[in-house]
């Protein structure tokens, strides 16, 4: 609701529809350890927290990172927060 107001939107936010609400295996259950390591390395290399943090921290004005209390211009702080919350 807070984000809804910050965006200047009127009325109540829409309810979330859980159209795919059922049990799913975790990636660890679906993938063998080698495949999991390779995917994690690929993601980290191409779209990891440090990469995303650099993009977010370089924006002007800085984006609002909900739940982040640090300095949005501090790449390492943003990356640490992303790592902890992803």
C-alpha atoms as a PDB file:
ATOM      1  CA  UNK A   1       0.000   0.000   0.000  1.00  0.00           C
ATOM      2  CA  UNK A   2       2.872   2.356   0.806  1.00  0.00           C
ATOM      3  CA  UNK A   3       4.358   1.932  -2.675  1.00  0.00           C
ATOM      4  CA  UNK A   4       0.899   2.414  -4.179  1.00  0.00           C
ATOM      5  CA  UNK A   5       0.642   5.833  -2.482  1.00  0.00           C
ATOM      6  CA  UNK A   6       4.230   6.817  -3.344  1.00  0.00           C
ATOM      7  CA  UNK A   7       3.405   6.237  -6.997  1.00  0.00           C
ATOM      8  CA  UNK A   8       0.435   8.594  -6.633  1.00  0.00           C
ATOM      9  CA  UNK A   9      -2.101   5.912  -7.474  1.00  0.00           C
ATOM     10  CA  UNK A  10      -5.669   6.253  -6.252  1.00  0.00           C
ATOM     11  CA  UNK A  11      -7.903   3.581  -4.813  1.00  0.00           C
ATOM     12  CA  UNK A  12      -6.843   0.217  -3.464  1.00  0.00           C
ATOM     13  CA  UNK A  13      -4.069  -1.875  -4.972  1.00  0.00           C
ATOM     14  CA  UNK A  14      -5.303  -4.890  -6.927  1.00  0.00           C
ATOM     15  CA  UNK A  15      -5.268  -8.235  -5.196  1.00  0.00           C
ATOM     16  CA  UNK A  16      -2.543 -10.650  -6.203  1.00  0.00           C
ATOM     17  CA  UNK A  17      -3.763 -13.617  -8.215  1.00  0.00           C
ATOM     18  CA  UNK A  18      -1.879 -16.817  -7.581  1.00  0.00           C
ATOM     19  CA  UNK A  19      -2.640 -18.546 -10.869  1.00  0.00           C
ATOM     20  CA  UNK A  20       0.273 -20.963 -10.482  1.00  0.00           C
ATOM     21  CA  UNK A  21      -0.245 -21.667  -6.785  1.00  0.00           C
ATOM     22  CA  UNK A  22       0.790 -25.267  -6.367  1.00  0.00           C
ATOM     23  CA  UNK A  23       3.749 -27.159  -5.033  1.00  0.00           C
ATOM     24  CA  UNK A  24       6.892 -27.101  -7.166  1.00  0.00           C
ATOM     25  CA  UNK A  25      10.240 -28.777  -6.773  1.00  0.00           C
ATOM     26  CA  UNK A  26      13.110 -26.519  -5.823  1.00  0.00           C
ATOM     27  CA  UNK A  27      15.903 -26.047  -8.349  1.00  0.00           C
ATOM     28  CA  UNK A  28      18.115 -28.143  -6.097  1.00  0.00           C
ATOM     29  CA  UNK A  29      15.601 -30.988  -6.444  1.00  0.00           C
ATOM     30  CA  UNK A  30      15.306 -30.620 -10.217  1.00  0.00           C
ATOM     31  CA  UNK A  31      18.985 -30.148 -11.089  1.00  0.00           C
ATOM     32  CA  UNK A  32      22.066 -32.178 -10.388  1.00  0.00           C
ATOM     33  CA  UNK A  33      24.776 -30.360  -8.352  1.00  0.00           C
ATOM     34  CA  UNK A  34      27.022 -29.720 -11.373  1.00  0.00           C
ATOM     35  CA  UNK A  35      24.200 -28.091 -13.367  1.00  0.00           C
ATOM     36  CA  UNK A  36      23.209 -25.995 -10.352  1.00  0.00           C
ATOM     37  CA  UNK A  37      26.784 -24.698  -9.938  1.00  0.00           C
ATOM     38  CA  UNK A  38      27.003 -23.863 -13.652  1.00  0.00           C
ATOM     39  CA  UNK A  39      23.715 -21.946 -13.606  1.00  0.00           C
ATOM     40  CA  UNK A  40      24.708 -20.033 -10.462  1.00  0.00           C
ATOM     41  CA  UNK A  41      28.050 -19.096 -12.042  1.00  0.00           C
ATOM     42  CA  UNK A  42      26.339 -17.951 -15.247  1.00  0.00           C
ATOM     43  CA  UNK A  43      23.788 -15.825 -13.386  1.00  0.00           C
ATOM     44  CA  UNK A  44      26.458 -14.339 -11.139  1.00  0.00           C
ATOM     45  CA  UNK A  45      28.630 -13.476 -14.141  1.00  0.00           C
ATOM     46  CA  UNK A  46      25.885 -11.890 -16.247  1.00  0.00           C
ATOM     47  CA  UNK A  47      23.174 -10.605 -13.926  1.00  0.00           C
ATOM     48  CA  UNK A  48      24.539 -11.073 -10.425  1.00  0.00           C
ATOM     49  CA  UNK A  49      23.973  -8.789  -7.487  1.00  0.00           C
ATOM     50  CA  UNK A  50      27.107  -6.728  -8.187  1.00  0.00           C
ATOM     51  CA  UNK A  51      26.014  -6.069 -11.777  1.00  0.00           C
ATOM     52  CA  UNK A  52      22.485  -5.113 -10.740  1.00  0.00           C
ATOM     53  CA  UNK A  53      23.799  -2.960  -7.885  1.00  0.00           C
ATOM     54  CA  UNK A  54      26.066  -1.037 -10.291  1.00  0.00           C
ATOM     55  CA  UNK A  55      23.095  -0.247 -12.534  1.00  0.00           C
ATOM     56  CA  UNK A  56      20.841   0.762  -9.647  1.00  0.00           C
ATOM     57  CA  UNK A  57      23.518   2.878  -7.953  1.00  0.00           C
ATOM     58  CA  UNK A  58      24.369   4.775 -11.130  1.00  0.00           C
ATOM     59  CA  UNK A  59      20.805   6.002 -11.754  1.00  0.00           C
ATOM     60  CA  UNK A  60      19.736   9.588 -11.111  1.00  0.00           C
ATOM     61  CA  UNK A  61      17.460   9.952  -9.387  1.00  0.00           C
ATOM     62  CA  UNK A  62      18.249   6.830  -7.381  1.00  0.00           C
ATOM     63  CA  UNK A  63      15.491   4.214  -7.431  1.00  0.00           C
ATOM     64  CA  UNK A  64      13.671   3.503  -4.200  1.00  0.00           C
ATOM     65  CA  UNK A  65      14.722   0.099  -2.950  1.00  0.00           C
ATOM     66  CA  UNK A  66      11.930  -1.057  -0.655  1.00  0.00           C
ATOM     67  CA  UNK A  67      13.381  -2.327   2.607  1.00  0.00           C
ATOM     68  CA  UNK A  68      16.879  -0.968   1.915  1.00  0.00           C
ATOM     69  CA  UNK A  69      18.132   1.467   4.565  1.00  0.00           C
ATOM     70  CA  UNK A  70      21.637   2.134   3.240  1.00  0.00           C
ATOM     71  CA  UNK A  71      23.086   4.633   0.797  1.00  0.00           C
ATOM     72  CA  UNK A  72      21.689   3.839  -2.686  1.00  0.00           C
ATOM     73  CA  UNK A  73      24.865   5.288  -4.240  1.00  0.00           C
ATOM     74  CA  UNK A  74      27.018   2.695  -2.417  1.00  0.00           C
ATOM     75  CA  UNK A  75      27.351  -0.205  -4.885  1.00  0.00           C
ATOM     76  CA  UNK A  76      28.700  -2.667  -2.309  1.00  0.00           C
ATOM     77  CA  UNK A  77      25.945  -1.844   0.170  1.00  0.00           C
ATOM     78  CA  UNK A  78      23.263  -2.334  -2.485  1.00  0.00           C
ATOM     79  CA  UNK A  79      24.897  -5.573  -3.660  1.00  0.00           C
ATOM     80  CA  UNK A  80      25.007  -6.920  -0.100  1.00  0.00           C
ATOM     81  CA  UNK A  81      21.350  -6.043   0.397  1.00  0.00           C
ATOM     82  CA  UNK A  82      20.396  -7.726  -2.876  1.00  0.00           C
ATOM     83  CA  UNK A  83      22.381 -10.826  -1.931  1.00  0.00           C
ATOM     84  CA  UNK A  84      20.602 -11.048   1.400  1.00  0.00           C
ATOM     85  CA  UNK A  85      17.120 -10.493  -0.001  1.00  0.00           C
ATOM     86  CA  UNK A  86      17.169 -12.449  -3.272  1.00  0.00           C
END
